[in-house]
Amino acid sequence: MKIDMEGKRMKLCDLSAGHRAYINNSSANGLLNERLMSLGFFPGNMIEAIKKSNKNGLSIYEISKTLIALRSEESSLFEVDII
């Protein structure tokens, strides 16, 4: 049985590999917020989880045609809406 996840809101760190979502909200502050915004992490932008790693807490995401690795602490700062 397939579960329809479209439109569901969750933390970016919980997005499974191979799934895409739109960034909805960020709770990042200061310099981290500025750096991530300059890389395309702003509301309305599409992001795809490419690879998730439980071993070291790093995940690889594609946003604005760029691959970016984030720690789970950083990716947990973003709320996304699954597409």
Protein backbone atom coordinates (compact mmCIF):
# COMPACT_ATOMS: atom_id res chain seq x y z
CA MET A 1 0.00 0.00 0.00
CA LYS A 2 1.42 3.38 -1.06
CA ILE A 3 1.00 6.28 1.35
CA ASP A 4 0.43 9.69 -0.26
CA MET A 5 2.90 12.08 1.36
CA GLU A 6 2.32 15.00 -1.02
CA GLY A 7 1.73 18.27 0.79
CA LYS A 8 2.88 16.91 4.16
CA ARG A 9 5.02 19.29 6.22
CA MET A 10 8.11 17.92 7.98
CA LYS A 11 11.66 18.79 8.98
CA LEU A 12 14.19 18.63 6.16
CA CYS A 13 16.25 16.12 8.17
CA ASP A 14 13.28 13.69 7.96
CA LEU A 15 12.95 13.89 4.16
CA SER A 16 13.83 10.49 2.65
CA ALA A 17 16.43 10.11 -0.10
CA GLY A 18 14.89 10.50 -3.54
CA HIS A 19 12.07 12.76 -2.34
CA ARG A 20 11.61 16.43 -3.18
CA ALA A 21 10.06 19.25 -1.20
CA TYR A 22 9.63 22.99 -1.09
CA ILE A 23 11.29 24.88 1.73
CA ASN A 24 8.57 26.40 3.88
CA ASN A 25 10.33 27.94 6.86
CA SER A 26 13.75 28.29 8.46
CA SER A 27 14.72 28.77 12.08
CA ALA A 28 18.41 29.31 11.27
CA ASN A 29 19.88 32.55 12.61
CA GLY A 30 22.85 34.82 12.08
CA LEU A 31 25.76 33.82 9.88
CA LEU A 32 24.43 30.29 9.28
CA ASN A 33 21.16 31.74 7.98
CA GLU A 34 23.02 34.13 5.67
CA ARG A 35 25.24 31.36 4.27
CA LEU A 36 22.36 28.96 3.66
CA MET A 37 20.19 31.67 2.10
CA SER A 38 23.01 32.51 -0.33
CA LEU A 39 23.07 28.83 -1.34
CA GLY A 40 19.34 28.82 -2.11
CA PHE A 41 17.81 27.75 1.23
CA PHE A 42 14.86 30.14 1.22
CA PRO A 43 11.08 29.63 1.32
CA GLY A 44 9.57 28.39 -1.92
CA ASN A 45 12.76 26.88 -3.31
CA MET A 46 12.71 23.18 -4.23
CA ILE A 47 15.14 20.76 -2.58
CA GLU A 48 15.78 17.04 -3.09
CA ALA A 49 17.31 14.64 -0.59
CA ILE A 50 19.99 12.75 -2.54
CA LYS A 51 21.65 10.62 0.15
CA LYS A 52 21.04 10.16 3.87
CA SER A 53 23.66 8.82 6.27
CA ASN A 54 22.83 7.65 9.78
CA LYS A 55 26.47 6.87 10.49
CA ASN A 56 27.86 10.41 10.57
CA GLY A 57 24.69 12.52 10.55
CA LEU A 58 25.41 14.02 7.13
CA SER A 59 22.89 14.21 4.32
CA ILE A 60 23.37 15.36 0.74
CA TYR A 61 20.76 17.62 -0.82
CA GLU A 62 20.37 19.17 -4.26
CA ILE A 63 19.14 22.73 -4.33
CA SER A 64 19.46 25.22 -7.19
CA LYS A 65 21.44 22.63 -9.21
CA THR A 66 24.03 22.42 -6.41
CA LEU A 67 24.85 19.46 -4.14
CA ILE A 68 25.22 20.42 -0.50
CA ALA A 69 26.04 18.27 2.54
CA LEU A 70 24.35 19.29 5.80
CA ARG A 71 24.60 17.91 9.32
CA SER A 72 21.34 16.78 10.88
CA GLU A 73 21.50 19.75 13.30
CA GLU A 74 21.46 22.12 10.32
CA SER A 75 18.83 20.32 8.25
CA SER A 76 16.52 20.14 11.28
CA LEU A 77 16.26 23.95 11.15
CA PHE A 78 14.14 23.80 7.97
CA GLU A 79 10.47 22.89 7.53
CA VAL A 80 9.57 21.56 4.09
CA ASP A 81 6.40 20.63 2.20
CA ILE A 82 6.73 17.36 0.26
CA ILE A 83 5.86 17.39 -3.46
